[in-house]
Amino acid sequence: MKLDIYKDDGAITAEYAIATLAGVAFAGLMLLVLRSEEVRSMLFKLVGRALGLEI
């Protein structure tokens, strides 16, 4: 039986899995950051200014 070392079967699936894990990790990090009261108030002020609202 001859082994083909250049076969890349499953490579795309592995790339999708790595990209999905990176996305989940980034979402978790953003969730931790957005739970901070300082960040939340800063974002509300920024959106309020962008919409022309007095907050």
PDB file of N, CA and C in Angstrom:
ATOM      1  N   MET A   1       0.849  -1.175   0.000  1.00  0.00           N
ATOM      2  CA  MET A   1       0.000   0.000   0.000  1.00  0.00           C
ATOM      3  C   MET A   1       0.891   1.234   0.000  1.00  0.00           C
ATOM      4  N   LYS A   2       0.636   2.121  -0.927  1.00  0.00           N
ATOM      5  CA  LYS A   2       1.447   3.327  -1.059  1.00  0.00           C
ATOM      6  C   LYS A   2       0.739   4.496  -0.367  1.00  0.00           C
ATOM      7  N   LEU A   3       1.461   5.194   0.492  1.00  0.00           N
ATOM      8  CA  LEU A   3       0.892   6.353   1.178  1.00  0.00           C
ATOM      9  C   LEU A   3       1.109   7.604   0.343  1.00  0.00           C
ATOM     10  N   ASP A   4       0.079   8.393   0.235  1.00  0.00           N
ATOM     11  CA  ASP A   4       0.171   9.655  -0.505  1.00  0.00           C
ATOM     12  C   ASP A   4       0.272  10.784   0.513  1.00  0.00           C
ATOM     13  N   ILE A   5       1.473  11.316   0.704  1.00  0.00           N
ATOM     14  CA  ILE A   5       1.682  12.347   1.728  1.00  0.00           C
ATOM     15  C   ILE A   5       1.165  13.706   1.302  1.00  0.00           C
ATOM     16  N   TYR A   6       0.739  13.839   0.056  1.00  0.00           N
ATOM     17  CA  TYR A   6       0.264  15.133  -0.433  1.00  0.00           C
ATOM     18  C   TYR A   6      -1.254  15.240  -0.453  1.00  0.00           C
ATOM     19  N   LYS A   7      -1.941  14.233   0.027  1.00  0.00           N
ATOM     20  CA  LYS A   7      -3.404  14.290   0.083  1.00  0.00           C
ATOM     21  C   LYS A   7      -3.815  15.292   1.165  1.00  0.00           C
ATOM     22  N   ASP A   8      -4.820  16.072   0.858  1.00  0.00           N
ATOM     23  CA  ASP A   8      -5.287  17.050   1.839  1.00  0.00           C
ATOM     24  C   ASP A   8      -6.769  16.859   2.160  1.00  0.00           C
ATOM     25  N   ASP A   9      -7.195  15.610   2.144  1.00  0.00           N
ATOM     26  CA  ASP A   9      -8.575  15.306   2.509  1.00  0.00           C
ATOM     27  C   ASP A   9      -8.828  15.753   3.946  1.00  0.00           C
ATOM     28  N   GLY A  10      -9.893  16.489   4.144  1.00  0.00           N
ATOM     29  CA  GLY A  10     -10.245  16.954   5.484  1.00  0.00           C
ATOM     30  C   GLY A  10      -9.589  18.254   5.874  1.00  0.00           C
ATOM     31  N   ALA A  11      -8.751  18.818   5.025  1.00  0.00           N
ATOM     32  CA  ALA A  11      -8.071  20.063   5.387  1.00  0.00           C
ATOM     33  C   ALA A  11      -9.055  21.217   5.510  1.00  0.00           C
ATOM     34  N   ILE A  12     -10.022  21.279   4.605  1.00  0.00           N
ATOM     35  CA  ILE A  12     -10.991  22.376   4.657  1.00  0.00           C
ATOM     36  C   ILE A  12     -11.862  22.250   5.898  1.00  0.00           C
ATOM     37  N   THR A  13     -12.241  21.042   6.250  1.00  0.00           N
ATOM     38  CA  THR A  13     -13.035  20.830   7.462  1.00  0.00           C
ATOM     39  C   THR A  13     -12.261  21.290   8.692  1.00  0.00           C
ATOM     40  N   ALA A  14     -10.988  20.992   8.736  1.00  0.00           N
ATOM     41  CA  ALA A  14     -10.164  21.423   9.870  1.00  0.00           C
ATOM     42  C   ALA A  14     -10.056  22.947   9.904  1.00  0.00           C
ATOM     43  N   GLU A  15      -9.948  23.570   8.735  1.00  0.00           N
ATOM     44  CA  GLU A  15      -9.881  25.036   8.693  1.00  0.00           C
ATOM     45  C   GLU A  15     -11.173  25.651   9.205  1.00  0.00           C
ATOM     46  N   TYR A  16     -12.310  25.077   8.804  1.00  0.00           N
ATOM     47  CA  TYR A  16     -13.595  25.568   9.313  1.00  0.00           C
ATOM     48  C   TYR A  16     -13.680  25.402  10.828  1.00  0.00           C
ATOM     49  N   ALA A  17     -13.206  24.286  11.332  1.00  0.00           N
ATOM     50  CA  ALA A  17     -13.254  24.036  12.773  1.00  0.00           C
ATOM     51  C   ALA A  17     -12.391  25.056  13.520  1.00  0.00           C
ATOM     52  N   ILE A  18     -11.217  25.353  13.003  1.00  0.00           N
ATOM     53  CA  ILE A  18     -10.339  26.327  13.657  1.00  0.00           C
ATOM     54  C   ILE A  18     -10.955  27.721  13.603  1.00  0.00           C
ATOM     55  N   ALA A  19     -11.523  28.089  12.454  1.00  0.00           N
ATOM     56  CA  ALA A  19     -12.166  29.397  12.329  1.00  0.00           C
ATOM     57  C   ALA A  19     -13.369  29.509  13.265  1.00  0.00           C
ATOM     58  N   THR A  20     -14.126  28.431  13.410  1.00  0.00           N
ATOM     59  CA  THR A  20     -15.277  28.440  14.319  1.00  0.00           C
ATOM     60  C   THR A  20     -14.820  28.589  15.766  1.00  0.00           C
ATOM     61  N   LEU A  21     -13.787  27.877  16.145  1.00  0.00           N
ATOM     62  CA  LEU A  21     -13.268  28.006  17.508  1.00  0.00           C
ATOM     63  C   LEU A  21     -12.745  29.417  17.776  1.00  0.00           C
ATOM     64  N   ALA A  22     -12.074  30.002  16.795  1.00  0.00           N
ATOM     65  CA  ALA A  22     -11.579  31.370  16.954  1.00  0.00           C
ATOM     66  C   ALA A  22     -12.744  32.339  17.104  1.00  0.00           C
ATOM     67  N   GLY A  23     -13.802  32.137  16.342  1.00  0.00           N
ATOM     68  CA  GLY A  23     -14.984  32.988  16.445  1.00  0.00           C
ATOM     69  C   GLY A  23     -15.660  32.878  17.800  1.00  0.00           C
ATOM     70  N   VAL A  24     -15.763  31.675  18.311  1.00  0.00           N
ATOM     71  CA  VAL A  24     -16.371  31.461  19.628  1.00  0.00           C
ATOM     72  C   VAL A  24     -15.510  32.098  20.725  1.00  0.00           C
ATOM     73  N   ALA A  25     -14.203  31.956  20.607  1.00  0.00           N
ATOM     74  CA  ALA A  25     -13.306  32.563  21.593  1.00  0.00           C
ATOM     75  C   ALA A  25     -13.425  34.089  21.564  1.00  0.00           C
ATOM     76  N   PHE A  26     -13.495  34.665  20.363  1.00  0.00           N
ATOM     77  CA  PHE A  26     -13.643  36.114  20.248  1.00  0.00           C
ATOM     78  C   PHE A  26     -14.975  36.573  20.820  1.00  0.00           C
ATOM     79  N   ALA A  27     -16.047  35.830  20.563  1.00  0.00           N
ATOM     80  CA  ALA A  27     -17.359  36.174  21.109  1.00  0.00           C
ATOM     81  C   ALA A  27     -17.340  36.121  22.631  1.00  0.00           C
ATOM     82  N   GLY A  28     -16.673  35.131  23.194  1.00  0.00           N
ATOM     83  CA  GLY A  28     -16.564  35.049  24.654  1.00  0.00           C
ATOM     84  C   GLY A  28     -15.794  36.215  25.231  1.00  0.00           C
ATOM     85  N   LEU A  29     -14.732  36.606  24.565  1.00  0.00           N
ATOM     86  CA  LEU A  29     -13.956  37.755  25.019  1.00  0.00           C
ATOM     87  C   LEU A  29     -14.793  39.033  24.954  1.00  0.00           C
ATOM     88  N   MET A  30     -15.536  39.205  23.872  1.00  0.00           N
ATOM     89  CA  MET A  30     -16.383  40.394  23.743  1.00  0.00           C
ATOM     90  C   MET A  30     -17.480  40.401  24.806  1.00  0.00           C
ATOM     91  N   LEU A  31     -18.002  39.243  25.129  1.00  0.00           N
ATOM     92  CA  LEU A  31     -19.022  39.155  26.172  1.00  0.00           C
ATOM     93  C   LEU A  31     -18.452  39.606  27.512  1.00  0.00           C
ATOM     94  N   LEU A  32     -17.245  39.186  27.830  1.00  0.00           N
ATOM     95  CA  LEU A  32     -16.615  39.617  29.075  1.00  0.00           C
ATOM     96  C   LEU A  32     -16.371  41.117  29.095  1.00  0.00           C
ATOM     97  N   VAL A  33     -15.918  41.656  27.968  1.00  0.00           N
ATOM     98  CA  VAL A  33     -15.636  43.088  27.901  1.00  0.00           C
ATOM     99  C   VAL A  33     -16.929  43.895  28.022  1.00  0.00           C
ATOM    100  N   LEU A  34     -17.980  43.469  27.327  1.00  0.00           N
ATOM    101  CA  LEU A  34     -19.225  44.237  27.327  1.00  0.00           C
ATOM    102  C   LEU A  34     -19.990  44.126  28.644  1.00  0.00           C
ATOM    103  N   ARG A  35     -19.641  43.184  29.476  1.00  0.00           N
ATOM    104  CA  ARG A  35     -20.280  43.104  30.791  1.00  0.00           C
ATOM    105  C   ARG A  35     -19.736  44.156  31.751  1.00  0.00           C
ATOM    106  N   SER A  36     -18.632  44.756  31.396  1.00  0.00           N
ATOM    107  CA  SER A  36     -18.035  45.799  32.222  1.00  0.00           C
ATOM    108  C   SER A  36     -18.916  47.046  32.191  1.00  0.00           C
ATOM    109  N   GLU A  37     -19.207  47.594  33.348  1.00  0.00           N
ATOM    110  CA  GLU A  37     -20.077  48.776  33.436  1.00  0.00           C
ATOM    111  C   GLU A  37     -19.441  49.988  32.760  1.00  0.00           C
ATOM    112  N   GLU A  38     -18.134  50.138  32.874  1.00  0.00           N
ATOM    113  CA  GLU A  38     -17.455  51.273  32.255  1.00  0.00           C
ATOM    114  C   GLU A  38     -17.582  51.219  30.739  1.00  0.00           C
ATOM    115  N   VAL A  39     -17.371  50.039  30.172  1.00  0.00           N
ATOM    116  CA  VAL A  39     -17.468  49.882  28.718  1.00  0.00           C
ATOM    117  C   VAL A  39     -18.901  50.093  28.266  1.00  0.00           C
ATOM    118  N   ARG A  40     -19.845  49.564  29.007  1.00  0.00           N
ATOM    119  CA  ARG A  40     -21.260  49.710  28.647  1.00  0.00           C
ATOM    120  C   ARG A  40     -21.669  51.174  28.632  1.00  0.00           C
ATOM    121  N   SER A  41     -21.298  51.923  29.663  1.00  0.00           N
ATOM    122  CA  SER A  41     -21.681  53.338  29.691  1.00  0.00           C
ATOM    123  C   SER A  41     -20.982  54.116  28.581  1.00  0.00           C
ATOM    124  N   MET A  42     -19.735  53.776  28.282  1.00  0.00           N
ATOM    125  CA  MET A  42     -19.025  54.451  27.202  1.00  0.00           C
ATOM    126  C   MET A  42     -19.710  54.186  25.859  1.00  0.00           C
ATOM    127  N   LEU A  43     -20.148  52.945  25.625  1.00  0.00           N
ATOM    128  CA  LEU A  43     -20.830  52.624  24.380  1.00  0.00           C
ATOM    129  C   LEU A  43     -22.183  53.330  24.281  1.00  0.00           C
ATOM    130  N   PHE A  44     -22.926  53.397  25.385  1.00  0.00           N
ATOM    131  CA  PHE A  44     -24.201  54.102  25.370  1.00  0.00           C
ATOM    132  C   PHE A  44     -24.008  55.579  25.059  1.00  0.00           C
ATOM    133  N   LYS A  45     -22.991  56.198  25.644  1.00  0.00           N
ATOM    134  CA  LYS A  45     -22.717  57.598  25.366  1.00  0.00           C
ATOM    135  C   LYS A  45     -22.322  57.807  23.912  1.00  0.00           C
ATOM    136  N   LEU A  46     -21.504  56.906  23.384  1.00  0.00           N
ATOM    137  CA  LEU A  46     -21.059  57.009  21.997  1.00  0.00           C
ATOM    138  C   LEU A  46     -22.239  56.888  21.031  1.00  0.00           C
ATOM    139  N   VAL A  47     -23.115  55.916  21.264  1.00  0.00           N
ATOM    140  CA  VAL A  47     -24.279  55.730  20.405  1.00  0.00           C
ATOM    141  C   VAL A  47     -25.232  56.922  20.565  1.00  0.00           C
ATOM    142  N   GLY A  48     -25.398  57.398  21.784  1.00  0.00           N
ATOM    143  CA  GLY A  48     -26.247  58.560  22.017  1.00  0.00           C
ATOM    144  C   GLY A  48     -25.766  59.795  21.276  1.00  0.00           C
ATOM    145  N   ARG A  49     -24.456  60.029  21.308  1.00  0.00           N
ATOM    146  CA  ARG A  49     -23.896  61.165  20.571  1.00  0.00           C
ATOM    147  C   ARG A  49     -24.072  60.985  19.067  1.00  0.00           C
ATOM    148  N   ALA A  50     -23.901  59.761  18.571  1.00  0.00           N
ATOM    149  CA  ALA A  50     -24.044  59.499  17.147  1.00  0.00           C
ATOM    150  C   ALA A  50     -25.478  59.731  16.681  1.00  0.00           C
ATOM    151  N   LEU A  51     -26.443  59.438  17.551  1.00  0.00           N
ATOM    152  CA  LEU A  51     -27.844  59.638  17.215  1.00  0.00           C
ATOM    153  C   LEU A  51     -28.349  61.022  17.569  1.00  0.00           C
ATOM    154  N   GLY A  52     -27.525  61.820  18.197  1.00  0.00           N
ATOM    155  CA  GLY A  52     -27.907  63.180  18.581  1.00  0.00           C
ATOM    156  C   GLY A  52     -28.822  63.232  19.790  1.00  0.00           C
ATOM    157  N   LEU A  53     -28.713  62.227  20.650  1.00  0.00           N
ATOM    158  CA  LEU A  53     -29.549  62.166  21.848  1.00  0.00           C
ATOM    159  C   LEU A  53     -28.778  62.708  23.037  1.00  0.00           C
ATOM    160  N   GLU A  54     -29.498  63.270  23.979  1.00  0.00           N
ATOM    161  CA  GLU A  54     -28.874  63.718  25.240  1.00  0.00           C
ATOM    162  C   GLU A  54     -29.032  62.611  26.266  1.00  0.00           C
ATOM    163  N   ILE A  55     -27.916  62.033  26.664  1.00  0.00           N
ATOM    164  CA  ILE A  55     -27.958  60.932  27.651  1.00  0.00           C
ATOM    165  C   ILE A  55     -27.265  61.400  28.916  1.00  0.00           C
TER     166      ILE A  55
END
